[in-house]
């Protein structure tokens, strides 16, 4: 399960 990690990174990028 690495998809969850990718989602978290994407969300952080959106915040920037």
N, C-alpha and C. Protein backbone atom coordinates (compact mmCIF):
# COMPACT_ATOMS: atom_id res chain seq x y z
N UNK A 1 0.81 -1.22 0.00
CA UNK A 1 0.00 0.00 0.00
C UNK A 1 0.84 1.26 0.00
N UNK A 2 1.07 1.82 -1.18
CA UNK A 2 1.84 3.08 -1.26
C UNK A 2 0.97 4.19 -1.82
N UNK A 3 -0.23 3.83 -2.24
CA UNK A 3 -1.12 4.86 -2.82
C UNK A 3 -1.45 5.93 -1.78
N UNK A 4 -1.69 5.51 -0.57
CA UNK A 4 -2.06 6.47 0.49
C UNK A 4 -0.95 7.52 0.61
N UNK A 5 0.28 7.09 0.61
CA UNK A 5 1.40 8.03 0.75
C UNK A 5 1.38 9.03 -0.41
N UNK A 6 1.13 8.54 -1.60
CA UNK A 6 1.10 9.44 -2.76
C UNK A 6 0.00 10.48 -2.57
N UNK A 7 -1.16 10.05 -2.13
CA UNK A 7 -2.27 10.99 -1.94
C UNK A 7 -1.86 12.07 -0.94
N UNK A 8 -1.21 11.67 0.12
CA UNK A 8 -0.82 12.67 1.13
C UNK A 8 0.13 13.69 0.51
N UNK A 9 1.08 13.22 -0.28
CA UNK A 9 2.03 14.16 -0.90
C UNK A 9 1.29 15.11 -1.82
N UNK A 10 0.37 14.58 -2.59
CA UNK A 10 -0.38 15.45 -3.52
C UNK A 10 -1.13 16.52 -2.75
N UNK A 11 -1.77 16.12 -1.67
CA UNK A 11 -2.55 17.10 -0.88
C UNK A 11 -1.62 18.20 -0.36
N UNK A 12 -0.44 17.81 0.10
CA UNK A 12 0.49 18.84 0.63
C UNK A 12 0.88 19.79 -0.49
N UNK A 13 1.10 19.27 -1.67
CA UNK A 13 1.49 20.16 -2.79
C UNK A 13 0.38 21.16 -3.07
N UNK A 14 -0.85 20.72 -2.99
CA UNK A 14 -1.98 21.64 -3.25
C UNK A 14 -1.96 22.78 -2.23
N UNK A 15 -1.63 22.47 -1.00
CA UNK A 15 -1.63 23.51 0.05
C UNK A 15 -0.62 24.60 -0.29
N UNK A 16 0.53 24.22 -0.83
CA UNK A 16 1.56 25.22 -1.14
C UNK A 16 1.03 26.24 -2.11
